[in-house]
C-alpha atoms as a PDB file:
ATOM      1  CA  MET A   1     -14.233 -24.698 -16.261  1.00  0.00           C
ATOM      2  CA  THR A   2     -11.926 -22.880 -13.944  1.00  0.00           C
ATOM      3  CA  PHE A   3     -12.596 -21.816 -10.372  1.00  0.00           C
ATOM      4  CA  LYS A   4     -12.834 -17.944 -10.345  1.00  0.00           C
ATOM      5  CA  PRO A   5     -12.622 -16.646  -6.728  1.00  0.00           C
ATOM      6  CA  ALA A   6     -13.935 -13.229  -7.663  1.00  0.00           C
ATOM      7  CA  ILE A   7     -17.197 -14.662  -8.899  1.00  0.00           C
ATOM      8  CA  TRP A   8     -17.547 -17.177  -5.999  1.00  0.00           C
ATOM      9  CA  TYR A   9     -16.758 -14.357  -3.446  1.00  0.00           C
ATOM     10  CA  ARG A  10     -19.878 -12.446  -4.747  1.00  0.00           C
ATOM     11  CA  ILE A  11     -21.981 -15.527  -4.618  1.00  0.00           C
ATOM     12  CA  ALA A  12     -20.854 -16.282  -1.093  1.00  0.00           C
ATOM     13  CA  ILE A  13     -21.721 -12.774  -0.040  1.00  0.00           C
ATOM     14  CA  VAL A  14     -25.234 -12.917  -1.619  1.00  0.00           C
ATOM     15  CA  LEU A  15     -25.864 -16.304   0.150  1.00  0.00           C
ATOM     16  CA  SER A  16     -24.730 -15.009   3.435  1.00  0.00           C
ATOM     17  CA  VAL A  17     -27.010 -12.004   3.202  1.00  0.00           C
ATOM     18  CA  ALA A  18     -29.942 -14.213   2.020  1.00  0.00           C
ATOM     19  CA  ASN A  19     -29.452 -16.463   4.982  1.00  0.00           C
ATOM     20  CA  LEU A  20     -29.297 -13.431   7.339  1.00  0.00           C
ATOM     21  CA  VAL A  21     -32.635 -12.267   5.961  1.00  0.00           C
ATOM     22  CA  GLY A  22     -34.081 -15.820   6.251  1.00  0.00           C
ATOM     23  CA  ALA A  23     -32.909 -15.945   9.904  1.00  0.00           C
ATOM     24  CA  ALA A  24     -34.688 -12.656  10.566  1.00  0.00           C
ATOM     25  CA  PHE A  25     -37.964 -13.987   9.067  1.00  0.00           C
ATOM     26  CA  ALA A  26     -37.616 -17.256  11.043  1.00  0.00           C
ATOM     27  CA  VAL A  27     -37.225 -15.216  14.299  1.00  0.00           C
ATOM     28  CA  GLY A  28     -40.229 -13.117  13.377  1.00  0.00           C
ATOM     29  CA  GLN A  29     -42.238 -16.352  13.062  1.00  0.00           C
ATOM     30  CA  ALA A  30     -41.027 -17.699  16.410  1.00  0.00           C
ATOM     31  CA  GLN A  31     -39.065 -20.565  15.000  1.00  0.00           C
ATOM     32  CA  PRO A  32     -35.729 -20.492  16.850  1.00  0.00           C
ATOM     33  CA  SER A  33     -34.296 -23.652  15.454  1.00  0.00           C
ATOM     34  CA  HIS A  34     -35.020 -22.541  11.930  1.00  0.00           C
ATOM     35  CA  ALA A  35     -33.497 -19.171  12.609  1.00  0.00           C
ATOM     36  CA  MET A  36     -30.315 -20.906  14.143  1.00  0.00           C
ATOM     37  CA  VAL A  37     -29.836 -22.955  10.926  1.00  0.00           C
ATOM     38  CA  HIS A  38     -30.096 -19.835   8.808  1.00  0.00           C
ATOM     39  CA  ALA A  39     -27.686 -17.912  11.037  1.00  0.00           C
ATOM     40  CA  GLY A  40     -25.269 -20.818  10.998  1.00  0.00           C
ATOM     41  CA  LEU A  41     -25.393 -20.840   7.099  1.00  0.00           C
ATOM     42  CA  ALA A  42     -24.905 -17.111   7.016  1.00  0.00           C
ATOM     43  CA  LEU A  43     -21.843 -17.347   9.130  1.00  0.00           C
ATOM     44  CA  ALA A  44     -20.484 -20.342   7.059  1.00  0.00           C
ATOM     45  CA  PHE A  45     -20.950 -18.372   3.809  1.00  0.00           C
ATOM     46  CA  GLY A  46     -19.524 -15.290   5.353  1.00  0.00           C
ATOM     47  CA  LEU A  47     -16.395 -17.092   6.446  1.00  0.00           C
ATOM     48  CA  TRP A  48     -16.147 -18.656   2.971  1.00  0.00           C
ATOM     49  CA  ALA A  49     -16.398 -15.123   1.451  1.00  0.00           C
ATOM     50  CA  GLN A  50     -13.482 -14.081   3.659  1.00  0.00           C
ATOM     51  CA  PHE A  51     -11.451 -17.146   2.732  1.00  0.00           C
ATOM     52  CA  LEU A  52     -12.014 -16.335  -0.926  1.00  0.00           C
ATOM     53  CA  ARG A  53     -11.133 -12.609  -0.608  1.00  0.00           C
ATOM     54  CA  LEU A  54      -7.862 -13.499   1.068  1.00  0.00           C
ATOM     55  CA  ARG A  55      -6.832 -16.277  -1.306  1.00  0.00           C
ATOM     56  CA  PRO A  56      -4.030 -15.686  -3.915  1.00  0.00           C
ATOM     57  CA  GLY A  57      -6.661 -15.242  -6.632  1.00  0.00           C
ATOM     58  CA  GLY A  58      -8.876 -13.251  -4.477  1.00  0.00           C
ATOM     59  CA  SER A  59      -9.650  -9.598  -5.217  1.00  0.00           C
ATOM     60  CA  GLU A  60      -8.400  -7.896  -1.966  1.00  0.00           C
ATOM     61  CA  LEU A  61      -5.057  -9.732  -1.903  1.00  0.00           C
ATOM     62  CA  GLN A  62      -4.416  -9.002  -5.521  1.00  0.00           C
ATOM     63  CA  ALA A  63      -5.261  -5.333  -4.978  1.00  0.00           C
ATOM     64  CA  ARG A  64      -2.971  -5.233  -2.004  1.00  0.00           C
ATOM     65  CA  LEU A  65      -0.061  -6.776  -4.086  1.00  0.00           C
ATOM     66  CA  GLU A  66      -0.594  -4.275  -6.778  1.00  0.00           C
ATOM     67  CA  GLY A  67      -0.583  -1.536  -4.240  1.00  0.00           C
ATOM     68  CA  LEU A  68       2.680  -2.854  -2.699  1.00  0.00           C
ATOM     69  CA  GLU A  69       4.255  -3.044  -6.102  1.00  0.00           C
ATOM     70  CA  ALA A  70       3.304   0.584  -6.729  1.00  0.00           C
ATOM     71  CA  ASP A  71       4.723   1.570  -3.262  1.00  0.00           C
ATOM     72  CA  VAL A  72       7.963  -0.159  -4.050  1.00  0.00           C
ATOM     73  CA  SER A  73       8.457   1.556  -7.337  1.00  0.00           C
ATOM     74  CA  ARG A  74       7.603   4.973  -5.757  1.00  0.00           C
ATOM     75  CA  LEU A  75      10.172   4.170  -2.970  1.00  0.00           C
ATOM     76  CA  GLU A  76      12.791   3.303  -5.531  1.00  0.00           C
ATOM     77  CA  VAL A  77      12.218   6.680  -7.241  1.00  0.00           C
ATOM     78  CA  LEU A  78      12.468   8.462  -4.005  1.00  0.00           C
ATOM     79  CA  GLU A  79      15.664   6.852  -2.989  1.00  0.00           C
ATOM     80  CA  ALA A  80      17.128   7.899  -6.421  1.00  0.00           C
ATOM     81  CA  GLU A  81      16.093  11.431  -5.873  1.00  0.00           C
ATOM     82  CA  VAL A  82      17.571  11.480  -2.355  1.00  0.00           C
ATOM     83  CA  THR A  83      20.792  10.053  -3.697  1.00  0.00           C
ATOM     84  CA  LYS A  84      20.906  12.797  -6.311  1.00  0.00           C
ATOM     85  CA  LEU A  85      20.185  15.480  -3.760  1.00  0.00           C
ATOM     86  CA  ARG A  86      22.923  14.164  -1.433  1.00  0.00           C
ATOM     87  CA  GLN A  87      25.411  14.398  -4.299  1.00  0.00           C
ATOM     88  CA  GLU A  88      24.339  18.041  -5.123  1.00  0.00           C
ATOM     89  CA  LEU A  89      24.531  19.032  -1.461  1.00  0.00           C
ATOM     90  CA  SER A  90      28.053  17.578  -1.207  1.00  0.00           C
ATOM     91  CA  GLU A  91      29.147  19.392  -4.308  1.00  0.00           C
ATOM     92  CA  ALA A  92      27.621  22.714  -2.899  1.00  0.00           C
ATOM     93  CA  GLN A  93      29.383  22.189   0.423  1.00  0.00           C
ATOM     94  CA  GLU A  94      32.784  21.684  -1.336  1.00  0.00           C
ATOM     95  CA  ARG A  95      32.228  24.930  -3.367  1.00  0.00           C
ATOM     96  CA  LEU A  96      31.347  26.765  -0.188  1.00  0.00           C
ATOM     97  CA  ASP A  97      34.478  25.532   1.607  1.00  0.00           C
ATOM     98  CA  PHE A  98      36.636  26.624  -1.365  1.00  0.00           C
ATOM     99  CA  VAL A  99      35.080  30.114  -1.280  1.00  0.00           C
ATOM    100  CA  GLU A 100      35.617  30.364   2.466  1.00  0.00           C
ATOM    101  CA  ARG A 101      39.222  29.437   2.091  1.00  0.00           C
ATOM    102  CA  LEU A 102      39.779  32.049  -0.611  1.00  0.00           C
ATOM    103  CA  LEU A 103      38.052  34.821   1.552  1.00  0.00           C
ATOM    104  CA  ALA A 104      40.101  33.829   4.575  1.00  0.00           C
ATOM    105  CA  LYS A 105      43.467  34.301   2.683  1.00  0.00           C
ATOM    106  CA  GLY A 106      42.925  38.002   2.187  1.00  0.00           C
ATOM    107  CA  PRO A 107      43.072  40.367  -0.844  1.00  0.00           C
ATOM    108  CA  GLU A 108      46.882  40.393  -1.266  1.00  0.00           C
ATOM    109  CA  THR A 109      47.283  36.758  -1.906  1.00  0.00           C
ATOM    110  CA  ARG A 110      44.566  36.626  -4.583  1.00  0.00           C
ATOM    111  CA  ARG A 111      46.602  38.692  -7.091  1.00  0.00           C
ATOM    112  CA  VAL A 112      47.798  36.949 -10.211  1.00  0.00           C
ATOM    113  CA  GLY A 113      50.810  37.977 -12.215  1.00  0.00           C
ATOM    114  CA  PRO A 114      53.994  39.893 -11.498  1.00  0.00           C
ATOM    115  CA  GLN A 115      53.876  42.731  -8.784  1.00  0.00           C
ATOM    116  CA  ARG A 116      55.423  46.045  -9.504  1.00  0.00           C
END
């Protein structure tokens, strides 16, 4: 039988909540030492639940890792698009420079062929 943090996380949460309820009942019956025991157990199970959630097999860490992988892939796609846009902008600037040079020369130099 393997240790499954996702299942034990839920169990730790349920035990923590049950001990909080037990502490509330013990306070209601004027039993402070009994309430302190339940409060301590609730705290211990809550900390254990946090530990299980942040473990490599825990649900939150796994979800964070999957989110990071998705972010990295989106970032790579964006970088490729930016590179392509830079290349297209550079080509457009070269064409604009060429047209500006042609317009600056004037109409008489643009003729092709023999002049009569």
